[in-house]
């Protein structure tokens, strides 16, 4: 329980420092990471592209056709915004990265207009 409290405090800190995104966006990306990891056959590190696709899938599951609207309300307009959120959380030790990872891995993974207008299947 103490660990969860610490994580919530860190998420609050990140969202206060980087307020271009609403705090719900940081929480959502963290939960979407867990969601995406549970979909894998075995636990492993995710690439930026894989996490972006997992976020998309989780958003469609949670919000359906309103996913794009919810993201826009939170300040998220493209997949690169996911990368910025992830890297803000990496700076606070809430997430980790490898030497091969780059924030650029999140750039233009998909178009929000296309991804949230219809059900598109992506394989992770």
N, C-alpha and C. Protein backbone atom coordinates (compact mmCIF):
# COMPACT_ATOMS: atom_id res chain seq x y z
N UNK A 1 0.83 -1.19 0.00
CA UNK A 1 0.00 0.00 0.00
C UNK A 1 0.87 1.26 0.00
N UNK A 2 1.96 1.21 0.75
CA UNK A 2 2.88 2.35 0.82
C UNK A 2 3.49 2.64 -0.56
N UNK A 3 3.80 1.56 -1.29
CA UNK A 3 4.38 1.71 -2.64
C UNK A 3 3.40 2.43 -3.58
N UNK A 4 2.12 2.05 -3.51
CA UNK A 4 1.11 2.70 -4.36
C UNK A 4 0.99 4.18 -4.00
N UNK A 5 1.02 4.49 -2.73
CA UNK A 5 0.93 5.88 -2.29
C UNK A 5 2.11 6.68 -2.85
N UNK A 6 3.29 6.09 -2.82
CA UNK A 6 4.48 6.74 -3.35
C UNK A 6 4.34 6.99 -4.86
N UNK A 7 3.83 6.01 -5.58
CA UNK A 7 3.64 6.15 -7.03
C UNK A 7 2.65 7.28 -7.32
N UNK A 8 1.55 7.32 -6.59
CA UNK A 8 0.56 8.39 -6.80
C UNK A 8 1.17 9.76 -6.50
N UNK A 9 1.99 9.84 -5.46
CA UNK A 9 2.66 11.11 -5.15
C UNK A 9 3.59 11.51 -6.28
N UNK A 10 4.34 10.56 -6.83
CA UNK A 10 5.24 10.85 -7.94
C UNK A 10 4.46 11.29 -9.18
N UNK A 11 3.33 10.64 -9.45
CA UNK A 11 2.50 11.04 -10.58
C UNK A 11 1.96 12.45 -10.39
N UNK A 12 1.58 12.79 -9.19
CA UNK A 12 1.12 14.15 -8.89
C UNK A 12 2.25 15.15 -9.13
N UNK A 13 3.46 14.78 -8.71
CA UNK A 13 4.62 15.65 -8.89
C UNK A 13 4.91 15.87 -10.37
N UNK A 14 4.90 14.80 -11.15
CA UNK A 14 5.16 14.90 -12.58
C UNK A 14 4.11 15.78 -13.25
N UNK A 15 2.85 15.56 -12.92
CA UNK A 15 1.79 16.34 -13.57
C UNK A 15 1.82 17.81 -13.15
N UNK A 16 2.32 18.09 -11.97
CA UNK A 16 2.48 19.48 -11.54
C UNK A 16 3.61 20.17 -12.28
N UNK A 17 4.72 19.45 -12.46
CA UNK A 17 5.89 20.01 -13.15
C UNK A 17 5.63 20.20 -14.64
N UNK A 18 4.87 19.29 -15.21
CA UNK A 18 4.64 19.28 -16.67
C UNK A 18 3.14 19.36 -16.92
N UNK A 19 2.60 20.52 -16.69
CA UNK A 19 1.15 20.69 -16.70
C UNK A 19 0.55 20.90 -18.09
N UNK A 20 1.35 20.72 -19.14
CA UNK A 20 0.74 20.81 -20.48
C UNK A 20 -0.23 19.65 -20.71
N UNK A 21 -0.10 18.59 -19.88
CA UNK A 21 -1.03 17.47 -19.93
C UNK A 21 -1.73 17.38 -18.58
N UNK A 22 -3.00 17.05 -18.61
CA UNK A 22 -3.74 16.87 -17.36
C UNK A 22 -3.22 15.65 -16.62
N UNK A 23 -3.37 15.65 -15.30
CA UNK A 23 -2.82 14.55 -14.50
C UNK A 23 -3.42 13.21 -14.90
N UNK A 24 -4.64 13.20 -15.39
CA UNK A 24 -5.26 11.95 -15.83
C UNK A 24 -4.48 11.31 -16.97
N UNK A 25 -3.82 12.11 -17.79
CA UNK A 25 -3.02 11.58 -18.89
C UNK A 25 -1.85 10.75 -18.36
N UNK A 26 -1.21 11.22 -17.31
CA UNK A 26 -0.09 10.48 -16.73
C UNK A 26 -0.56 9.17 -16.11
N UNK A 27 -1.68 9.23 -15.40
CA UNK A 27 -2.25 8.02 -14.81
C UNK A 27 -2.62 7.02 -15.91
N UNK A 28 -3.25 7.53 -16.97
CA UNK A 28 -3.70 6.66 -18.05
C UNK A 28 -2.52 5.96 -18.72
N UNK A 29 -1.46 6.69 -19.00
CA UNK A 29 -0.30 6.08 -19.66
C UNK A 29 0.31 5.00 -18.77
N UNK A 30 0.36 5.23 -17.47
CA UNK A 30 0.89 4.23 -16.54
C UNK A 30 0.01 2.97 -16.55
N UNK A 31 -1.29 3.14 -16.50
CA UNK A 31 -2.20 2.00 -16.51
C UNK A 31 -2.15 1.30 -17.88
N UNK A 32 -2.05 2.07 -18.95
CA UNK A 32 -1.97 1.48 -20.30
C UNK A 32 -0.69 0.67 -20.47
N UNK A 33 0.39 1.08 -19.81
CA UNK A 33 1.62 0.29 -19.84
C UNK A 33 1.35 -1.08 -19.23
N UNK A 34 0.73 -1.10 -18.07
CA UNK A 34 0.41 -2.37 -17.41
C UNK A 34 -0.53 -3.22 -18.30
N UNK A 35 -1.55 -2.59 -18.85
CA UNK A 35 -2.49 -3.27 -19.75
C UNK A 35 -1.74 -3.92 -20.91
N UNK A 36 -0.83 -3.17 -21.52
CA UNK A 36 -0.09 -3.67 -22.69
C UNK A 36 0.82 -4.83 -22.30
N UNK A 37 1.48 -4.71 -21.16
CA UNK A 37 2.36 -5.79 -20.70
C UNK A 37 1.58 -7.08 -20.45
N UNK A 38 0.35 -6.96 -19.95
CA UNK A 38 -0.45 -8.17 -19.68
C UNK A 38 -0.89 -8.86 -20.97
N UNK A 39 -0.86 -8.15 -22.09
CA UNK A 39 -1.26 -8.74 -23.37
C UNK A 39 -0.12 -9.54 -24.01
N UNK A 40 1.09 -9.39 -23.50
CA UNK A 40 2.24 -10.08 -24.08
C UNK A 40 2.29 -11.53 -23.61
N UNK A 41 2.91 -12.38 -24.42
CA UNK A 41 3.07 -13.78 -24.04
C UNK A 41 4.07 -13.91 -22.89
N UNK A 42 5.06 -13.03 -22.86
CA UNK A 42 6.02 -13.01 -21.76
C UNK A 42 6.41 -11.57 -21.46
N UNK A 43 6.67 -11.31 -20.21
CA UNK A 43 7.01 -9.96 -19.77
C UNK A 43 8.34 -9.54 -20.39
N UNK A 44 8.37 -8.33 -20.96
CA UNK A 44 9.60 -7.79 -21.55
C UNK A 44 9.45 -6.28 -21.67
N UNK A 45 10.53 -5.64 -22.03
CA UNK A 45 10.53 -4.20 -22.25
C UNK A 45 9.75 -3.89 -23.52
N UNK A 46 9.00 -2.80 -23.51
CA UNK A 46 8.25 -2.36 -24.68
C UNK A 46 8.98 -1.23 -25.40
N UNK A 47 8.86 -1.21 -26.71
CA UNK A 47 9.37 -0.07 -27.47
C UNK A 47 8.34 1.05 -27.41
N UNK A 48 8.74 2.23 -27.82
CA UNK A 48 7.81 3.34 -27.88
C UNK A 48 6.64 3.07 -28.81
N UNK A 49 6.92 2.43 -29.92
CA UNK A 49 5.86 2.10 -30.87
C UNK A 49 4.88 1.11 -30.25
N UNK A 50 5.40 0.09 -29.58
CA UNK A 50 4.53 -0.91 -28.96
C UNK A 50 3.66 -0.29 -27.87
N UNK A 51 4.26 0.58 -27.06
CA UNK A 51 3.48 1.22 -26.01
C UNK A 51 2.41 2.13 -26.61
N UNK A 52 2.76 2.85 -27.66
CA UNK A 52 1.77 3.72 -28.33
C UNK A 52 0.58 2.91 -28.84
N UNK A 53 0.84 1.76 -29.40
CA UNK A 53 -0.22 0.89 -29.89
C UNK A 53 -1.04 0.34 -28.72
N UNK A 54 -0.36 -0.02 -27.64
CA UNK A 54 -1.07 -0.49 -26.45
C UNK A 54 -1.94 0.60 -25.85
N UNK A 55 -1.45 1.81 -25.84
CA UNK A 55 -2.24 2.95 -25.34
C UNK A 55 -3.48 3.12 -26.21
N UNK A 56 -3.30 3.02 -27.50
CA UNK A 56 -4.43 3.13 -28.43
C UNK A 56 -5.48 2.06 -28.15
N UNK A 57 -5.02 0.81 -28.03
CA UNK A 57 -5.95 -0.29 -27.78
C UNK A 57 -6.70 -0.11 -26.46
N UNK A 58 -5.97 0.29 -25.43
CA UNK A 58 -6.60 0.49 -24.13
C UNK A 58 -7.59 1.65 -24.17
N UNK A 59 -7.22 2.71 -24.87
CA UNK A 59 -8.12 3.87 -24.99
C UNK A 59 -9.41 3.48 -25.71
N UNK A 60 -9.30 2.70 -26.77
CA UNK A 60 -10.50 2.26 -27.48
C UNK A 60 -11.36 1.37 -26.59
N UNK A 61 -10.71 0.53 -25.80
CA UNK A 61 -11.46 -0.33 -24.88
C UNK A 61 -12.17 0.49 -23.80
N UNK A 62 -11.50 1.51 -23.30
CA UNK A 62 -12.05 2.30 -22.21
C UNK A 62 -13.04 3.37 -22.68
N UNK A 63 -12.72 4.03 -23.79
CA UNK A 63 -13.49 5.20 -24.21
C UNK A 63 -14.21 5.04 -25.54
N UNK A 64 -13.92 4.00 -26.28
CA UNK A 64 -14.55 3.78 -27.58
C UNK A 64 -14.33 4.96 -28.51
N UNK A 65 -15.38 5.39 -29.15
CA UNK A 65 -15.27 6.46 -30.15
C UNK A 65 -14.93 7.82 -29.54
N UNK A 66 -14.96 7.93 -28.22
CA UNK A 66 -14.60 9.20 -27.56
C UNK A 66 -13.11 9.29 -27.22
N UNK A 67 -12.33 8.27 -27.55
CA UNK A 67 -10.92 8.24 -27.16
C UNK A 67 -10.16 9.49 -27.62
N UNK A 68 -10.31 9.86 -28.86
CA UNK A 68 -9.59 11.04 -29.38
C UNK A 68 -10.01 12.29 -28.62
N UNK A 69 -11.28 12.42 -28.33
CA UNK A 69 -11.79 13.59 -27.60
C UNK A 69 -11.21 13.63 -26.19
N UNK A 70 -11.16 12.49 -25.53
CA UNK A 70 -10.59 12.42 -24.18
C UNK A 70 -9.12 12.82 -24.22
N UNK A 71 -8.37 12.26 -25.16
CA UNK A 71 -6.95 12.62 -25.27
C UNK A 71 -6.77 14.11 -25.52
N UNK A 72 -7.56 14.67 -26.40
CA UNK A 72 -7.45 16.11 -26.68
C UNK A 72 -7.75 16.93 -25.43
N UNK A 73 -8.73 16.53 -24.65
CA UNK A 73 -9.05 17.21 -23.40
C UNK A 73 -7.86 17.17 -22.44
N UNK A 74 -7.14 16.06 -22.44
CA UNK A 74 -5.96 15.90 -21.58
C UNK A 74 -4.73 16.61 -22.15
N UNK A 75 -4.81 17.13 -23.37
CA UNK A 75 -3.68 17.82 -23.99
C UNK A 75 -2.89 16.96 -24.95
N UNK A 76 -3.34 15.77 -25.22
CA UNK A 76 -2.64 14.82 -26.09
C UNK A 76 -3.24 14.90 -27.48
N UNK A 77 -2.40 15.22 -28.47
CA UNK A 77 -2.89 15.39 -29.84
C UNK A 77 -2.23 14.45 -30.85
N UNK A 78 -1.14 13.82 -30.42
CA UNK A 78 -0.42 12.90 -31.31
C UNK A 78 0.39 11.92 -30.48
N UNK A 79 0.90 10.87 -31.12
CA UNK A 79 1.64 9.84 -30.37
C UNK A 79 2.92 10.39 -29.74
N UNK A 80 3.49 11.43 -30.31
CA UNK A 80 4.70 12.02 -29.71
C UNK A 80 4.41 12.55 -28.30
N UNK A 81 3.16 12.96 -28.06
CA UNK A 81 2.78 13.39 -26.72
C UNK A 81 2.90 12.24 -25.72
N UNK A 82 2.60 11.02 -26.15
CA UNK A 82 2.81 9.86 -25.27
C UNK A 82 4.29 9.77 -24.89
N UNK A 83 5.16 9.99 -25.87
CA UNK A 83 6.59 9.94 -25.61
C UNK A 83 7.02 10.98 -24.60
N UNK A 84 6.49 12.18 -24.72
CA UNK A 84 6.84 13.23 -23.76
C UNK A 84 6.39 12.84 -22.37
N UNK A 85 5.18 12.30 -22.25
CA UNK A 85 4.67 11.86 -20.95
C UNK A 85 5.56 10.76 -20.39
N UNK A 86 5.89 9.77 -21.22
CA UNK A 86 6.75 8.67 -20.77
C UNK A 86 8.11 9.20 -20.30
N UNK A 87 8.71 10.09 -21.07
CA UNK A 87 10.04 10.59 -20.70
C UNK A 87 9.98 11.49 -19.46
N UNK A 88 8.88 12.19 -19.24
CA UNK A 88 8.72 12.92 -17.98
C UNK A 88 8.67 11.93 -16.82
N UNK A 89 8.00 10.79 -17.03
CA UNK A 89 7.91 9.79 -15.98
C UNK A 89 9.25 9.06 -15.79
N UNK A 90 9.99 8.89 -16.86
CA UNK A 90 11.34 8.31 -16.74
C UNK A 90 12.20 9.22 -15.86
N UNK A 91 12.10 10.52 -16.08
CA UNK A 91 12.88 11.48 -15.28
C UNK A 91 12.56 11.38 -13.79
N UNK A 92 11.35 10.93 -13.45
CA UNK A 92 10.93 10.78 -12.06
C UNK A 92 11.07 9.34 -11.57
N UNK A 93 11.73 8.50 -12.37
CA UNK A 93 11.95 7.08 -12.05
C UNK A 93 10.66 6.27 -11.93
N UNK A 94 9.62 6.71 -12.60
CA UNK A 94 8.37 5.95 -12.64
C UNK A 94 8.36 4.93 -13.76
N UNK A 95 9.20 5.15 -14.76
CA UNK A 95 9.36 4.23 -15.88
C UNK A 95 10.85 4.15 -16.16
N UNK A 96 11.22 3.20 -17.01
CA UNK A 96 12.63 3.06 -17.35
C UNK A 96 12.79 2.97 -18.86
N UNK A 97 14.02 3.12 -19.30
CA UNK A 97 14.32 3.01 -20.72
C UNK A 97 15.64 2.27 -20.88
N UNK A 98 15.87 1.82 -22.10
CA UNK A 98 17.13 1.17 -22.43
C UNK A 98 17.96 2.12 -23.28
N UNK A 99 19.18 1.73 -23.55
CA UNK A 99 20.08 2.54 -24.40
C UNK A 99 19.50 2.73 -25.80
N UNK A 100 18.72 1.76 -26.25
CA UNK A 100 18.15 1.81 -27.60
C UNK A 100 16.91 2.69 -27.69
N UNK A 101 16.31 3.02 -26.56
CA UNK A 101 15.07 3.80 -26.56
C UNK A 101 15.34 5.28 -26.82
N UNK A 102 14.38 5.90 -27.49
CA UNK A 102 14.45 7.32 -27.76
C UNK A 102 13.02 7.88 -27.74
N UNK A 103 12.90 9.12 -27.35
CA UNK A 103 11.58 9.76 -27.41
C UNK A 103 11.06 9.78 -28.85
N UNK A 104 11.97 9.77 -29.81
CA UNK A 104 11.58 9.76 -31.23
C UNK A 104 10.84 8.49 -31.62
N UNK A 105 10.96 7.42 -30.82
CA UNK A 105 10.24 6.18 -31.09
C UNK A 105 8.72 6.37 -31.03
N UNK A 106 8.30 7.46 -30.42
CA UNK A 106 6.87 7.75 -30.28
C UNK A 106 6.34 8.65 -31.39
N UNK A 107 7.23 9.18 -32.21
CA UNK A 107 6.81 10.14 -33.23
C UNK A 107 6.07 9.45 -34.37
N UNK A 108 4.86 9.96 -34.67
CA UNK A 108 4.08 9.52 -35.84
C UNK A 108 3.86 8.01 -35.91
N UNK A 109 3.59 7.39 -34.77
CA UNK A 109 3.31 5.95 -34.79
C UNK A 109 2.01 5.68 -35.53
N UNK A 110 1.03 6.55 -35.32
CA UNK A 110 -0.23 6.49 -36.06
C UNK A 110 -0.90 7.85 -35.99
N UNK A 111 -1.81 8.06 -36.90
CA UNK A 111 -2.62 9.27 -36.92
C UNK A 111 -3.81 9.08 -35.99
N UNK A 112 -4.06 10.04 -35.13
CA UNK A 112 -5.21 9.95 -34.23
C UNK A 112 -6.51 9.88 -35.03
N UNK A 113 -6.59 10.64 -36.13
CA UNK A 113 -7.81 10.62 -36.94
C UNK A 113 -8.12 9.21 -37.44
N UNK A 114 -7.09 8.52 -37.90
CA UNK A 114 -7.31 7.16 -38.40
C UNK A 114 -7.48 6.16 -37.27
N UNK A 115 -6.62 6.24 -36.28
CA UNK A 115 -6.61 5.24 -35.21
C UNK A 115 -7.88 5.24 -34.38
N UNK A 116 -8.49 6.40 -34.21
CA UNK A 116 -9.65 6.48 -33.34
C UNK A 116 -10.97 6.64 -34.09
N UNK A 117 -10.91 6.50 -35.41
CA UNK A 117 -12.14 6.59 -36.19
C UNK A 117 -12.68 5.22 -36.56
N UNK A 118 -11.83 4.20 -36.43
CA UNK A 118 -12.26 2.85 -36.77
C UNK A 118 -11.42 1.86 -35.99
N UNK A 119 -11.87 0.63 -35.93
CA UNK A 119 -11.14 -0.42 -35.24
C UNK A 119 -10.06 -0.95 -36.19
N UNK A 120 -8.81 -0.69 -35.86
CA UNK A 120 -7.67 -1.17 -36.64
C UNK A 120 -6.91 -2.13 -35.76
N UNK A 121 -6.57 -3.29 -36.26
CA UNK A 121 -5.83 -4.28 -35.49
C UNK A 121 -4.33 -4.08 -35.67
N UNK A 122 -3.62 -3.98 -34.56
CA UNK A 122 -2.17 -3.91 -34.56
C UNK A 122 -1.66 -5.08 -33.75
N UNK A 123 -0.59 -5.69 -34.20
CA UNK A 123 0.03 -6.77 -33.45
C UNK A 123 1.23 -6.25 -32.69
N UNK A 124 1.27 -6.61 -31.44
CA UNK A 124 2.44 -6.26 -30.61
C UNK A 124 3.34 -7.48 -30.55
